[in-house]
C-alpha atoms as a PDB file:
ATOM      1  CA  ASP A   1       0.172  -0.181   0.199  1.00  0.00           C
ATOM      2  CA  SER A   2       1.369   3.577  -0.805  1.00  0.00           C
ATOM      3  CA  ALA A   3       0.193   4.507   3.099  1.00  0.00           C
ATOM      4  CA  GLU A   4       3.444   5.247   5.015  1.00  0.00           C
ATOM      5  CA  ALA A   5       3.931   2.998   7.926  1.00  0.00           C
ATOM      6  CA  SER A   6       3.660   4.230  11.546  1.00  0.00           C
ATOM      7  CA  PRO A   7       7.203   4.731  13.175  1.00  0.00           C
ATOM      8  CA  SER A   8       5.256   3.405  16.089  1.00  0.00           C
ATOM      9  CA  VAL A   9       4.857  -0.237  17.277  1.00  0.00           C
ATOM     10  CA  VAL A  10       2.545  -1.062  20.221  1.00  0.00           C
ATOM     11  CA  PHE A  11       3.064  -4.319  22.179  1.00  0.00           C
ATOM     12  CA  GLU A  12       0.776  -5.909  24.177  1.00  0.00           C
ATOM     13  CA  ASN A  13       0.171  -8.119  27.202  1.00  0.00           C
ATOM     14  CA  ILE A  14       3.604  -6.703  28.519  1.00  0.00           C
ATOM     15  CA  GLU A  15       2.972  -7.709  32.045  1.00  0.00           C
ATOM     16  CA  ARG A  16       5.590 -10.559  32.103  1.00  0.00           C
ATOM     17  CA  CYS A  17       8.568  -8.409  30.834  1.00  0.00           C
ATOM     18  CA  SER A  18      10.273  -5.732  33.092  1.00  0.00           C
ATOM     19  CA  PRO A  19      10.606  -2.293  31.309  1.00  0.00           C
ATOM     20  CA  LYS A  20      14.483  -2.801  31.139  1.00  0.00           C
ATOM     21  CA  CYS A  21      13.972  -6.389  30.114  1.00  0.00           C
ATOM     22  CA  LEU A  22      11.374  -5.423  26.733  1.00  0.00           C
ATOM     23  CA  GLN A  23      13.949  -2.671  26.003  1.00  0.00           C
ATOM     24  CA  MET A  24      16.557  -4.705  25.436  1.00  0.00           C
ATOM     25  CA  LEU A  25      14.475  -7.649  23.775  1.00  0.00           C
ATOM     26  CA  LEU A  26      13.609  -4.775  21.516  1.00  0.00           C
ATOM     27  CA  GLU A  27      17.384  -3.894  20.462  1.00  0.00           C
ATOM     28  CA  ASN A  28      17.970  -7.074  20.094  1.00  0.00           C
ATOM     29  CA  ILE A  29      15.297  -7.901  17.757  1.00  0.00           C
ATOM     30  CA  SER A  30      16.245  -4.515  15.848  1.00  0.00           C
ATOM     31  CA  GLY A  31      19.735  -4.185  16.281  1.00  0.00           C
ATOM     32  CA  LEU A  32      19.014  -0.603  17.815  1.00  0.00           C
ATOM     33  CA  THR A  33      19.570   1.339  20.445  1.00  0.00           C
ATOM     34  CA  VAL A  34      17.090   2.720  22.767  1.00  0.00           C
ATOM     35  CA  ASP A  35      16.800   6.445  23.460  1.00  0.00           C
ATOM     36  CA  ALA A  36      19.429   6.872  20.491  1.00  0.00           C
ATOM     37  CA  ASP A  37      17.219   4.716  17.726  1.00  0.00           C
ATOM     38  CA  PHE A  38      14.037   4.166  19.651  1.00  0.00           C
ATOM     39  CA  THR A  39      12.238   4.986  22.661  1.00  0.00           C
ATOM     40  CA  VAL A  40       9.347   3.140  24.893  1.00  0.00           C
ATOM     41  CA  GLU A  41       6.914   4.388  26.800  1.00  0.00           C
ATOM     42  CA  LEU A  42       5.049   2.455  29.277  1.00  0.00           C
ATOM     43  CA  ILE A  43       0.931   2.348  29.644  1.00  0.00           C
ATOM     44  CA  PRO A  44       0.591   0.239  32.677  1.00  0.00           C
ATOM     45  CA  GLU A  45      -2.708   0.807  32.996  1.00  0.00           C
ATOM     46  CA  ILE A  46      -3.878  -1.164  29.924  1.00  0.00           C
ATOM     47  CA  ASN A  47      -0.761  -3.371  29.697  1.00  0.00           C
ATOM     48  CA  VAL A  48       0.758  -1.904  26.679  1.00  0.00           C
ATOM     49  CA  ALA A  49       4.180  -0.463  25.407  1.00  0.00           C
ATOM     50  CA  VAL A  50       4.992   1.854  22.177  1.00  0.00           C
ATOM     51  CA  ALA A  51       8.226   1.563  20.769  1.00  0.00           C
ATOM     52  CA  THR A  52       8.644   5.015  18.673  1.00  0.00           C
ATOM     53  CA  PHE A  53      11.092   4.677  16.067  1.00  0.00           C
ATOM     54  CA  ILE A  54      13.724   7.847  15.338  1.00  0.00           C
ATOM     55  CA  LYS A  55      15.503   5.953  13.179  1.00  0.00           C
ATOM     56  CA  ASN A  56      14.065   5.077   9.749  1.00  0.00           C
ATOM     57  CA  ILE A  57      13.237   1.608   9.475  1.00  0.00           C
ATOM     58  CA  ASP A  58      10.585  -0.521   7.903  1.00  0.00           C
ATOM     59  CA  THR A  59       8.054  -1.330  11.074  1.00  0.00           C
ATOM     60  CA  LYS A  60       5.900  -3.426   9.470  1.00  0.00           C
ATOM     61  CA  GLU A  61       8.979  -5.736   8.423  1.00  0.00           C
ATOM     62  CA  PHE A  62       9.918  -5.465  12.682  1.00  0.00           C
ATOM     63  CA  VAL A  63       6.158  -6.144  13.593  1.00  0.00           C
ATOM     64  CA  LYS A  64       6.652  -9.609  11.452  1.00  0.00           C
ATOM     65  CA  LYS A  65      10.232 -10.358  13.326  1.00  0.00           C
ATOM     66  CA  CYS A  66       8.794  -9.582  16.446  1.00  0.00           C
ATOM     67  CA  LEU A  67       5.456 -11.851  16.266  1.00  0.00           C
ATOM     68  CA  GLN A  68       8.377 -14.460  15.458  1.00  0.00           C
ATOM     69  CA  HIS A  69      11.067 -14.351  18.482  1.00  0.00           C
ATOM     70  CA  LYS A  70      10.978 -16.834  20.493  1.00  0.00           C
ATOM     71  CA  ARG A  71      11.311 -14.335  23.638  1.00  0.00           C
ATOM     72  CA  VAL A  72       7.934 -12.360  22.531  1.00  0.00           C
ATOM     73  CA  ARG A  73       6.308 -15.700  21.978  1.00  0.00           C
ATOM     74  CA  GLU A  74       7.158 -16.624  25.536  1.00  0.00           C
ATOM     75  CA  PHE A  75       5.758 -13.640  27.184  1.00  0.00           C
ATOM     76  CA  ASN A  76       2.779 -14.048  24.887  1.00  0.00           C
ATOM     77  CA  MET A  77       3.303 -10.434  24.061  1.00  0.00           C
ATOM     78  CA  THR A  78       1.455  -9.311  20.839  1.00  0.00           C
ATOM     79  CA  ALA A  79       3.137  -6.385  18.013  1.00  0.00           C
ATOM     80  CA  ARG A  80       1.090  -4.381  16.264  1.00  0.00           C
ATOM     81  CA  LEU A  81       1.890  -1.104  13.968  1.00  0.00           C
ATOM     82  CA  LEU A  82      -0.175   1.437  15.818  1.00  0.00           C
ATOM     83  CA  GLU A  83      -2.631   3.263  13.553  1.00  0.00           C
ATOM     84  CA  SER A  84      -2.949   6.715  12.210  1.00  0.00           C
ATOM     85  CA  THR A  85      -5.516   9.125  14.114  1.00  0.00           C
ATOM     86  CA  GLN A  86      -6.428  12.532  13.598  1.00  0.00           C
ATOM     87  CA  SER A  87      -7.015  13.580  17.489  1.00  0.00           C
ATOM     88  CA  ILE A  88      -4.701  12.853  20.684  1.00  0.00           C
ATOM     89  CA  LYS A  89      -5.808  13.724  23.990  1.00  0.00           C
ATOM     90  CA  ALA A  90      -3.280  15.947  26.549  1.00  0.00           C
ATOM     91  CA  GLU A  91      -3.640  15.432  30.392  1.00  0.00           C
ATOM     92  CA  ASN A  92      -2.499  17.352  32.980  1.00  0.00           C
ATOM     93  CA  LEU A  93      -2.743  20.464  32.046  1.00  0.00           C
ATOM     94  CA  PRO A  94      -2.198  23.656  33.572  1.00  0.00           C
ATOM     95  CA  GLN A  95      -5.529  25.298  34.969  1.00  0.00           C
ATOM     96  CA  SER A  96      -4.461  28.451  32.897  1.00  0.00           C
ATOM     97  CA  ILE A  97      -3.580  26.863  29.180  1.00  0.00           C
ATOM     98  CA  SER A  98      -5.581  28.569  26.411  1.00  0.00           C
ATOM     99  CA  SER A  99      -6.569  26.848  23.181  1.00  0.00           C
ATOM    100  CA  ASP A 100      -4.584  29.258  21.429  1.00  0.00           C
ATOM    101  CA  TYR A 101      -0.864  28.284  23.048  1.00  0.00           C
ATOM    102  CA  LEU A 102      -2.172  24.279  22.631  1.00  0.00           C
ATOM    103  CA  THR A 103      -2.611  25.027  18.958  1.00  0.00           C
ATOM    104  CA  VAL A 104       0.938  26.904  18.681  1.00  0.00           C
ATOM    105  CA  TYR A 105       2.125  24.093  20.531  1.00  0.00           C
ATOM    106  CA  PHE A 106       1.030  21.251  18.887  1.00  0.00           C
ATOM    107  CA  GLU A 107       1.870  22.902  15.671  1.00  0.00           C
ATOM    108  CA  SER A 108       5.360  23.160  16.339  1.00  0.00           C
ATOM    109  CA  ALA A 109       7.794  21.209  14.037  1.00  0.00           C
ATOM    110  CA  ARG A 110      10.056  20.807  16.875  1.00  0.00           C
ATOM    111  CA  ASN A 111       7.657  19.007  19.058  1.00  0.00           C
ATOM    112  CA  GLY A 112       6.481  16.625  15.890  1.00  0.00           C
ATOM    113  CA  GLY A 113       3.288  18.389  15.425  1.00  0.00           C
ATOM    114  CA  GLY A 114       1.057  19.319  12.231  1.00  0.00           C
ATOM    115  CA  PRO A 115      -1.141  21.771  11.429  1.00  0.00           C
ATOM    116  CA  VAL A 116      -4.168  22.143  14.217  1.00  0.00           C
ATOM    117  CA  SER A 117      -7.990  22.202  13.080  1.00  0.00           C
ATOM    118  CA  ASP A 118      -9.482  22.169  15.970  1.00  0.00           C
ATOM    119  CA  VAL A 119      -8.764  22.274  20.324  1.00  0.00           C
ATOM    120  CA  GLN A 120     -11.476  21.208  22.565  1.00  0.00           C
ATOM    121  CA  LEU A 121     -10.784  22.148  26.459  1.00  0.00           C
ATOM    122  CA  PHE A 122     -11.884  20.312  29.446  1.00  0.00           C
ATOM    123  CA  PRO A 123     -10.687  22.551  32.460  1.00  0.00           C
ATOM    124  CA  LYS A 124     -12.548  20.000  35.084  1.00  0.00           C
ATOM    125  CA  GLU A 125     -10.414  17.017  33.973  1.00  0.00           C
ATOM    126  CA  ASN A 126      -7.112  19.184  32.788  1.00  0.00           C
ATOM    127  CA  SER A 127      -7.080  17.986  29.861  1.00  0.00           C
ATOM    128  CA  ALA A 128      -8.105  18.700  25.820  1.00  0.00           C
ATOM    129  CA  ILE A 129      -8.483  16.729  22.531  1.00  0.00           C
ATOM    130  CA  ILE A 130      -6.272  17.920  20.212  1.00  0.00           C
ATOM    131  CA  THR A 131      -7.395  17.629  16.308  1.00  0.00           C
ATOM    132  CA  PHE A 132      -4.892  17.323  13.490  1.00  0.00           C
ATOM    133  CA  CYS A 133      -5.612  18.687   9.679  1.00  0.00           C
ATOM    134  CA  ASP A 134      -3.838  15.243   8.829  1.00  0.00           C
ATOM    135  CA  HIS A 135      -2.392  12.173   9.963  1.00  0.00           C
ATOM    136  CA  LYS A 136       1.218  13.820  10.114  1.00  0.00           C
ATOM    137  CA  GLY A 137       1.120  15.599  13.448  1.00  0.00           C
ATOM    138  CA  ASN A 138       0.601  13.274  16.206  1.00  0.00           C
ATOM    139  CA  SER A 139       3.524  11.236  17.651  1.00  0.00           C
END
């Protein structure tokens, strides 16, 4: 397909693999270095980790390698590409934050952003939903 593959890979069922173990496992499978070539974000509430590749790699091929890897199978983990979305939720925002500030922040290329089409503030939750114009700006 002509769509660009996501630079992020979701790992589910990670409870049997410690964060350090997961990082080493991903380094072994990819041949890359955590922090220099990719980052790993843990989302313990839903038993998931997301590896985002800074270095340009074939993430579809990486997912295939992961699913065939003996240790990944032993841990009963699954791996899949993170699907693109046009909206993200920002949480733990300061009370005084404005939708204009969030728009400018998330449009910053330095922050991995892109053109923002809408910002919905939820002051009671200290959160906001940011909607992008396309799939590029939501890493």
